[in-house]
């Protein structure tokens, strides 16, 4: 999405992808990024426990951080409630 996160929900009224983290707060939360960044060779770090994984839009709550050493995601280390 243009907000920098991967789509993590669907707008049930329009059946289009959205970012529930940013919707209503940040522009681009409901706009598909037609030219997403290349994630080849990038790593993502859990925002809480710092466990790393290869960057992928399939990671939960994934967020691209092009100006940082790693991207962000959440690996479930505090549960999913």
PDB file of N, CA and C in Angstrom:
ATOM      1  N   UNK A   1       0.842  -1.160   0.000  1.00  0.00           N
ATOM      2  CA  UNK A   1       0.000   0.000   0.000  1.00  0.00           C
ATOM      3  C   UNK A   1       0.900   1.240   0.000  1.00  0.00           C
ATOM      4  N   UNK A   2       0.346   2.355  -0.381  1.00  0.00           N
ATOM      5  CA  UNK A   2       1.146   3.576  -0.455  1.00  0.00           C
ATOM      6  C   UNK A   2       1.521   4.125   0.916  1.00  0.00           C
ATOM      7  N   UNK A   3       0.942   3.597   1.989  1.00  0.00           N
ATOM      8  CA  UNK A   3       1.329   4.022   3.336  1.00  0.00           C
ATOM      9  C   UNK A   3       2.640   3.371   3.776  1.00  0.00           C
ATOM     10  N   UNK A   4       3.091   2.341   3.033  1.00  0.00           N
ATOM     11  CA  UNK A   4       4.340   1.653   3.362  1.00  0.00           C
ATOM     12  C   UNK A   4       4.138   0.288   3.983  1.00  0.00           C
ATOM     13  N   UNK A   5       2.910  -0.047   4.367  1.00  0.00           N
ATOM     14  CA  UNK A   5       2.603  -1.370   4.907  1.00  0.00           C
ATOM     15  C   UNK A   5       2.062  -2.267   3.805  1.00  0.00           C
ATOM     16  N   UNK A   6       2.096  -3.557   4.068  1.00  0.00           N
ATOM     17  CA  UNK A   6       1.417  -4.499   3.180  1.00  0.00           C
ATOM     18  C   UNK A   6      -0.073  -4.454   3.504  1.00  0.00           C
ATOM     19  N   UNK A   7      -0.911  -4.701   2.517  1.00  0.00           N
ATOM     20  CA  UNK A   7      -2.352  -4.777   2.771  1.00  0.00           C
ATOM     21  C   UNK A   7      -2.598  -5.896   3.776  1.00  0.00           C
ATOM     22  N   UNK A   8      -3.384  -5.608   4.801  1.00  0.00           N
ATOM     23  CA  UNK A   8      -3.637  -6.613   5.826  1.00  0.00           C
ATOM     24  C   UNK A   8      -5.117  -6.784   6.126  1.00  0.00           C
ATOM     25  N   UNK A   9      -5.967  -6.222   5.259  1.00  0.00           N
ATOM     26  CA  UNK A   9      -7.412  -6.370   5.396  1.00  0.00           C
ATOM     27  C   UNK A   9      -8.071  -6.022   4.074  1.00  0.00           C
ATOM     28  N   UNK A  10      -9.372  -6.222   4.017  1.00  0.00           N
ATOM     29  CA  UNK A  10     -10.153  -5.896   2.826  1.00  0.00           C
ATOM     30  C   UNK A  10     -11.319  -5.016   3.245  1.00  0.00           C
ATOM     31  N   UNK A  11     -11.531  -3.924   2.516  1.00  0.00           N
ATOM     32  CA  UNK A  11     -12.683  -3.061   2.736  1.00  0.00           C
ATOM     33  C   UNK A  11     -13.908  -3.837   2.268  1.00  0.00           C
ATOM     34  N   UNK A  12     -14.816  -4.157   3.169  1.00  0.00           N
ATOM     35  CA  UNK A  12     -15.961  -4.993   2.817  1.00  0.00           C
ATOM     36  C   UNK A  12     -16.971  -4.275   1.937  1.00  0.00           C
ATOM     37  N   UNK A  13     -16.945  -2.951   1.915  1.00  0.00           N
ATOM     38  CA  UNK A  13     -17.872  -2.207   1.055  1.00  0.00           C
ATOM     39  C   UNK A  13     -17.403  -2.175  -0.397  1.00  0.00           C
ATOM     40  N   UNK A  14     -16.087  -2.071  -0.600  1.00  0.00           N
ATOM     41  CA  UNK A  14     -15.543  -1.960  -1.956  1.00  0.00           C
ATOM     42  C   UNK A  14     -14.796  -3.215  -2.407  1.00  0.00           C
ATOM     43  N   UNK A  15     -14.573  -4.151  -1.475  1.00  0.00           N
ATOM     44  CA  UNK A  15     -13.825  -5.376  -1.739  1.00  0.00           C
ATOM     45  C   UNK A  15     -12.415  -5.075  -2.253  1.00  0.00           C
ATOM     46  N   UNK A  16     -11.790  -4.034  -1.688  1.00  0.00           N
ATOM     47  CA  UNK A  16     -10.438  -3.643  -2.073  1.00  0.00           C
ATOM     48  C   UNK A  16      -9.513  -3.752  -0.864  1.00  0.00           C
ATOM     49  N   UNK A  17      -8.215  -3.992  -1.086  1.00  0.00           N
ATOM     50  CA  UNK A  17      -7.272  -4.113   0.025  1.00  0.00           C
ATOM     51  C   UNK A  17      -7.061  -2.788   0.751  1.00  0.00           C
ATOM     52  N   UNK A  18      -6.818  -2.879   2.062  1.00  0.00           N
ATOM     53  CA  UNK A  18      -6.521  -1.706   2.886  1.00  0.00           C
ATOM     54  C   UNK A  18      -5.492  -2.069   3.946  1.00  0.00           C
ATOM     55  N   UNK A  19      -4.910  -1.057   4.529  1.00  0.00           N
ATOM     56  CA  UNK A  19      -4.012  -1.214   5.674  1.00  0.00           C
ATOM     57  C   UNK A  19      -4.786  -0.778   6.914  1.00  0.00           C
ATOM     58  N   UNK A  20      -5.111  -1.721   7.799  1.00  0.00           N
ATOM     59  CA  UNK A  20      -5.873  -1.368   8.997  1.00  0.00           C
ATOM     60  C   UNK A  20      -5.037  -0.605  10.019  1.00  0.00           C
ATOM     61  N   UNK A  21      -3.737  -0.641   9.868  1.00  0.00           N
ATOM     62  CA  UNK A  21      -2.869   0.110  10.775  1.00  0.00           C
ATOM     63  C   UNK A  21      -3.012   1.608  10.520  1.00  0.00           C
ATOM     64  N   UNK A  22      -3.139   1.984   9.250  1.00  0.00           N
ATOM     65  CA  UNK A  22      -3.104   3.398   8.871  1.00  0.00           C
ATOM     66  C   UNK A  22      -4.441   3.990   8.425  1.00  0.00           C
ATOM     67  N   UNK A  23      -5.438   3.162   8.133  1.00  0.00           N
ATOM     68  CA  UNK A  23      -6.683   3.690   7.583  1.00  0.00           C
ATOM     69  C   UNK A  23      -7.283   4.729   8.529  1.00  0.00           C
ATOM     70  N   UNK A  24      -7.599   5.869   7.987  1.00  0.00           N
ATOM     71  CA  UNK A  24      -8.132   6.969   8.782  1.00  0.00           C
ATOM     72  C   UNK A  24      -7.070   7.837   9.428  1.00  0.00           C
ATOM     73  N   UNK A  25      -5.810   7.407   9.351  1.00  0.00           N
ATOM     74  CA  UNK A  25      -4.709   8.143   9.980  1.00  0.00           C
ATOM     75  C   UNK A  25      -3.676   8.643   8.985  1.00  0.00           C
ATOM     76  N   UNK A  26      -3.423   7.856   7.949  1.00  0.00           N
ATOM     77  CA  UNK A  26      -2.347   8.145   7.010  1.00  0.00           C
ATOM     78  C   UNK A  26      -2.858   8.051   5.576  1.00  0.00           C
ATOM     79  N   UNK A  27      -2.447   8.979   4.745  1.00  0.00           N
ATOM     80  CA  UNK A  27      -2.794   8.893   3.335  1.00  0.00           C
ATOM     81  C   UNK A  27      -2.159   7.653   2.724  1.00  0.00           C
ATOM     82  N   UNK A  28      -2.839   7.060   1.782  1.00  0.00           N
ATOM     83  CA  UNK A  28      -2.301   5.910   1.079  1.00  0.00           C
ATOM     84  C   UNK A  28      -2.673   4.578   1.680  1.00  0.00           C
ATOM     85  N   UNK A  29      -3.382   4.580   2.791  1.00  0.00           N
ATOM     86  CA  UNK A  29      -3.751   3.330   3.446  1.00  0.00           C
ATOM     87  C   UNK A  29      -4.736   2.508   2.632  1.00  0.00           C
ATOM     88  N   UNK A  30      -5.410   3.154   1.684  1.00  0.00           N
ATOM     89  CA  UNK A  30      -6.358   2.432   0.833  1.00  0.00           C
ATOM     90  C   UNK A  30      -5.981   2.528  -0.647  1.00  0.00           C
ATOM     91  N   UNK A  31      -4.695   2.841  -0.913  1.00  0.00           N
ATOM     92  CA  UNK A  31      -4.210   2.953  -2.284  1.00  0.00           C
ATOM     93  C   UNK A  31      -3.125   1.910  -2.540  1.00  0.00           C
ATOM     94  N   UNK A  32      -3.319   1.114  -3.560  1.00  0.00           N
ATOM     95  CA  UNK A  32      -2.333   0.096  -3.928  1.00  0.00           C
ATOM     96  C   UNK A  32      -1.129   0.777  -4.555  1.00  0.00           C
ATOM     97  N   UNK A  33       0.059   0.413  -4.095  1.00  0.00           N
ATOM     98  CA  UNK A  33       1.302   0.955  -4.647  1.00  0.00           C
ATOM     99  C   UNK A  33       1.627   0.194  -5.921  1.00  0.00           C
ATOM    100  N   UNK A  34       1.504   0.864  -7.044  1.00  0.00           N
ATOM    101  CA  UNK A  34       1.735   0.222  -8.342  1.00  0.00           C
ATOM    102  C   UNK A  34       3.218  -0.069  -8.598  1.00  0.00           C
ATOM    103  N   UNK A  35       4.110   0.553  -7.853  1.00  0.00           N
ATOM    104  CA  UNK A  35       5.549   0.325  -8.006  1.00  0.00           C
ATOM    105  C   UNK A  35       6.163   0.057  -6.632  1.00  0.00           C
ATOM    106  N   UNK A  36       5.835  -1.091  -6.029  1.00  0.00           N
ATOM    107  CA  UNK A  36       6.369  -1.380  -4.695  1.00  0.00           C
ATOM    108  C   UNK A  36       7.885  -1.546  -4.724  1.00  0.00           C
ATOM    109  N   UNK A  37       8.557  -1.298  -3.609  1.00  0.00           N
ATOM    110  CA  UNK A  37      10.017  -1.435  -3.574  1.00  0.00           C
ATOM    111  C   UNK A  37      10.456  -2.889  -3.723  1.00  0.00           C
ATOM    112  N   UNK A  38      11.649  -3.070  -4.257  1.00  0.00           N
ATOM    113  CA  UNK A  38      12.239  -4.400  -4.404  1.00  0.00           C
ATOM    114  C   UNK A  38      12.752  -4.845  -3.035  1.00  0.00           C
ATOM    115  N   UNK A  39      12.272  -5.969  -2.553  1.00  0.00           N
ATOM    116  CA  UNK A  39      12.653  -6.471  -1.229  1.00  0.00           C
ATOM    117  C   UNK A  39      13.782  -7.494  -1.285  1.00  0.00           C
ATOM    118  N   UNK A  40      14.316  -7.756  -2.449  1.00  0.00           N
ATOM    119  CA  UNK A  40      15.373  -8.746  -2.615  1.00  0.00           C
ATOM    120  C   UNK A  40      16.558  -8.428  -1.712  1.00  0.00           C
ATOM    121  N   UNK A  41      16.935  -9.390  -0.880  1.00  0.00           N
ATOM    122  CA  UNK A  41      18.088  -9.243  -0.005  1.00  0.00           C
ATOM    123  C   UNK A  41      17.825  -8.435   1.264  1.00  0.00           C
ATOM    124  N   UNK A  42      16.637  -7.889   1.422  1.00  0.00           N
ATOM    125  CA  UNK A  42      16.326  -7.101   2.618  1.00  0.00           C
ATOM    126  C   UNK A  42      15.893  -8.019   3.749  1.00  0.00           C
ATOM    127  N   UNK A  43      16.066  -7.553   4.977  1.00  0.00           N
ATOM    128  CA  UNK A  43      15.650  -8.283   6.170  1.00  0.00           C
ATOM    129  C   UNK A  43      14.622  -7.449   6.916  1.00  0.00           C
ATOM    130  N   UNK A  44      13.741  -8.130   7.611  1.00  0.00           N
ATOM    131  CA  UNK A  44      12.748  -7.474   8.461  1.00  0.00           C
ATOM    132  C   UNK A  44      12.983  -7.918   9.896  1.00  0.00           C
ATOM    133  N   UNK A  45      12.783  -7.003  10.820  1.00  0.00           N
ATOM    134  CA  UNK A  45      13.007  -7.255  12.236  1.00  0.00           C
ATOM    135  C   UNK A  45      11.698  -7.046  12.989  1.00  0.00           C
ATOM    136  N   UNK A  46      11.358  -7.995  13.881  1.00  0.00           N
ATOM    137  CA  UNK A  46      10.153  -7.824  14.703  1.00  0.00           C
ATOM    138  C   UNK A  46      10.323  -6.563  15.538  1.00  0.00           C
ATOM    139  N   UNK A  47       9.308  -5.735  15.545  1.00  0.00           N
ATOM    140  CA  UNK A  47       9.370  -4.454  16.261  1.00  0.00           C
ATOM    141  C   UNK A  47       9.560  -4.635  17.766  1.00  0.00           C
ATOM    142  N   UNK A  48       9.280  -5.822  18.304  1.00  0.00           N
ATOM    143  CA  UNK A  48       9.366  -6.047  19.760  1.00  0.00           C
ATOM    144  C   UNK A  48      10.543  -6.927  20.164  1.00  0.00           C
ATOM    145  N   UNK A  49      10.650  -8.129  19.587  1.00  0.00           N
ATOM    146  CA  UNK A  49      11.706  -9.047  20.036  1.00  0.00           C
ATOM    147  C   UNK A  49      12.940  -9.015  19.138  1.00  0.00           C
ATOM    148  N   UNK A  50      12.854  -8.299  18.015  1.00  0.00           N
ATOM    149  CA  UNK A  50      13.966  -8.115  17.073  1.00  0.00           C
ATOM    150  C   UNK A  50      14.340  -9.370  16.294  1.00  0.00           C
ATOM    151  N   UNK A  51      13.526 -10.448  16.367  1.00  0.00           N
ATOM    152  CA  UNK A  51      13.779 -11.636  15.554  1.00  0.00           C
ATOM    153  C   UNK A  51      13.697 -11.231  14.090  1.00  0.00           C
ATOM    154  N   UNK A  52      14.620 -11.721  13.280  1.00  0.00           N
ATOM    155  CA  UNK A  52      14.672 -11.327  11.876  1.00  0.00           C
ATOM    156  C   UNK A  52      14.155 -12.424  10.953  1.00  0.00           C
ATOM    157  N   UNK A  53      13.694 -11.967   9.795  1.00  0.00           N
ATOM    158  CA  UNK A  53      13.217 -12.848   8.734  1.00  0.00           C
ATOM    159  C   UNK A  53      13.456 -12.128   7.412  1.00  0.00           C
ATOM    160  N   UNK A  54      13.496 -12.860   6.309  1.00  0.00           N
ATOM    161  CA  UNK A  54      13.596 -12.187   5.010  1.00  0.00           C
ATOM    162  C   UNK A  54      12.380 -11.283   4.800  1.00  0.00           C
ATOM    163  N   UNK A  55      12.592 -10.081   4.321  1.00  0.00           N
ATOM    164  CA  UNK A  55      11.487  -9.150   4.082  1.00  0.00           C
ATOM    165  C   UNK A  55      10.508  -9.739   3.080  1.00  0.00           C
ATOM    166  N   UNK A  56       9.230  -9.621   3.404  1.00  0.00           N
ATOM    167  CA  UNK A  56       8.167 -10.133   2.539  1.00  0.00           C
ATOM    168  C   UNK A  56       6.857  -9.462   2.914  1.00  0.00           C
ATOM    169  N   UNK A  57       6.052  -9.147   1.928  1.00  0.00           N
ATOM    170  CA  UNK A  57       4.739  -8.576   2.224  1.00  0.00           C
ATOM    171  C   UNK A  57       3.818  -9.601   2.863  1.00  0.00           C
ATOM    172  N   UNK A  58       4.232 -10.858   2.931  1.00  0.00           N
ATOM    173  CA  UNK A  58       3.443 -11.888   3.599  1.00  0.00           C
ATOM    174  C   UNK A  58       3.684 -11.932   5.105  1.00  0.00           C
ATOM    175  N   UNK A  59       4.669 -11.199   5.607  1.00  0.00           N
ATOM    176  CA  UNK A  59       4.910 -11.146   7.049  1.00  0.00           C
ATOM    177  C   UNK A  59       3.799 -10.341   7.722  1.00  0.00           C
ATOM    178  N   UNK A  60       3.365 -10.739   8.926  1.00  0.00           N
ATOM    179  CA  UNK A  60       2.309 -10.003   9.613  1.00  0.00           C
ATOM    180  C   UNK A  60       2.722  -8.568   9.928  1.00  0.00           C
ATOM    181  N   UNK A  61       1.859  -7.631   9.642  1.00  0.00           N
ATOM    182  CA  UNK A  61       2.056  -6.203   9.918  1.00  0.00           C
ATOM    183  C   UNK A  61       3.373  -5.686   9.331  1.00  0.00           C
ATOM    184  N   UNK A  62       3.715  -6.195   8.161  1.00  0.00           N
ATOM    185  CA  UNK A  62       4.953  -5.814   7.491  1.00  0.00           C
ATOM    186  C   UNK A  62       4.931  -4.339   7.097  1.00  0.00           C
ATOM    187  N   UNK A  63       6.063  -3.670   7.307  1.00  0.00           N
ATOM    188  CA  UNK A  63       6.221  -2.267   6.926  1.00  0.00           C
ATOM    189  C   UNK A  63       7.612  -2.061   6.340  1.00  0.00           C
ATOM    190  N   UNK A  64       7.659  -1.518   5.136  1.00  0.00           N
ATOM    191  CA  UNK A  64       8.941  -1.227   4.481  1.00  0.00           C
ATOM    192  C   UNK A  64       9.560   0.006   5.126  1.00  0.00           C
ATOM    193  N   UNK A  65      10.817  -0.078   5.474  1.00  0.00           N
ATOM    194  CA  UNK A  65      11.572   1.047   6.049  1.00  0.00           C
ATOM    195  C   UNK A  65      12.833   1.228   5.215  1.00  0.00           C
ATOM    196  N   UNK A  66      12.668   1.833   4.029  1.00  0.00           N
ATOM    197  CA  UNK A  66      13.776   1.931   3.071  1.00  0.00           C
ATOM    198  C   UNK A  66      14.983   2.688   3.607  1.00  0.00           C
ATOM    199  N   UNK A  67      14.796   3.601   4.540  1.00  0.00           N
ATOM    200  CA  UNK A  67      15.905   4.395   5.064  1.00  0.00           C
ATOM    201  C   UNK A  67      16.468   3.832   6.363  1.00  0.00           C
ATOM    202  N   UNK A  68      16.054   2.619   6.715  1.00  0.00           N
ATOM    203  CA  UNK A  68      16.547   1.956   7.925  1.00  0.00           C
ATOM    204  C   UNK A  68      17.296   0.684   7.528  1.00  0.00           C
ATOM    205  N   UNK A  69      18.020   0.114   8.467  1.00  0.00           N
ATOM    206  CA  UNK A  69      18.786  -1.100   8.193  1.00  0.00           C
ATOM    207  C   UNK A  69      17.875  -2.297   7.934  1.00  0.00           C
ATOM    208  N   UNK A  70      16.709  -2.341   8.594  1.00  0.00           N
ATOM    209  CA  UNK A  70      15.762  -3.436   8.395  1.00  0.00           C
ATOM    210  C   UNK A  70      14.341  -2.885   8.272  1.00  0.00           C
ATOM    211  N   UNK A  71      13.479  -3.697   7.673  1.00  0.00           N
ATOM    212  CA  UNK A  71      12.056  -3.396   7.639  1.00  0.00           C
ATOM    213  C   UNK A  71      11.445  -3.871   8.955  1.00  0.00           C
ATOM    214  N   UNK A  72      10.168  -3.580   9.168  1.00  0.00           N
ATOM    215  CA  UNK A  72       9.484  -3.985  10.407  1.00  0.00           C
ATOM    216  C   UNK A  72       8.398  -5.013  10.118  1.00  0.00           C
ATOM    217  N   UNK A  73       8.136  -5.844  11.117  1.00  0.00           N
ATOM    218  CA  UNK A  73       6.982  -6.739  11.103  1.00  0.00           C
ATOM    219  C   UNK A  73       6.722  -7.158  12.546  1.00  0.00           C
ATOM    220  N   UNK A  74       5.677  -7.952  12.748  1.00  0.00           N
ATOM    221  CA  UNK A  74       5.385  -8.484  14.081  1.00  0.00           C
ATOM    222  C   UNK A  74       5.357  -9.994  13.978  1.00  0.00           C
ATOM    223  N   UNK A  75       6.159 -10.686  14.782  1.00  0.00           N
ATOM    224  CA  UNK A  75       6.251 -12.137  14.665  1.00  0.00           C
ATOM    225  C   UNK A  75       5.352 -12.907  15.638  1.00  0.00           C
ATOM    226  N   UNK A  76       4.517 -12.188  16.382  1.00  0.00           N
ATOM    227  CA  UNK A  76       3.602 -12.848  17.303  1.00  0.00           C
ATOM    228  C   UNK A  76       4.187 -13.124  18.671  1.00  0.00           C
ATOM    229  N   UNK A  77       5.336 -12.550  18.973  1.00  0.00           N
ATOM    230  CA  UNK A  77       6.026 -12.837  20.229  1.00  0.00           C
ATOM    231  C   UNK A  77       5.228 -12.464  21.490  1.00  0.00           C
ATOM    232  N   UNK A  78       4.269 -11.558  21.375  1.00  0.00           N
ATOM    233  CA  UNK A  78       3.410 -11.211  22.508  1.00  0.00           C
ATOM    234  C   UNK A  78       2.003 -11.765  22.345  1.00  0.00           C
ATOM    235  N   UNK A  79       1.809 -12.651  21.410  1.00  0.00           N
ATOM    236  CA  UNK A  79       0.505 -13.253  21.154  1.00  0.00           C
ATOM    237  C   UNK A  79      -0.249 -12.493  20.073  1.00  0.00           C
ATOM    238  N   UNK A  80      -1.437 -12.996  19.771  1.00  0.00           N
ATOM    239  CA  UNK A  80      -2.223 -12.441  18.674  1.00  0.00           C
ATOM    240  C   UNK A  80      -3.560 -11.876  19.135  1.00  0.00           C
ATOM    241  N   UNK A  81      -3.739 -11.641  20.419  1.00  0.00           N
ATOM    242  CA  UNK A  81      -5.012 -11.091  20.924  1.00  0.00           C
ATOM    243  C   UNK A  81      -5.153  -9.649  20.561  1.00  0.00           C
TER     244      UNK A  81
END
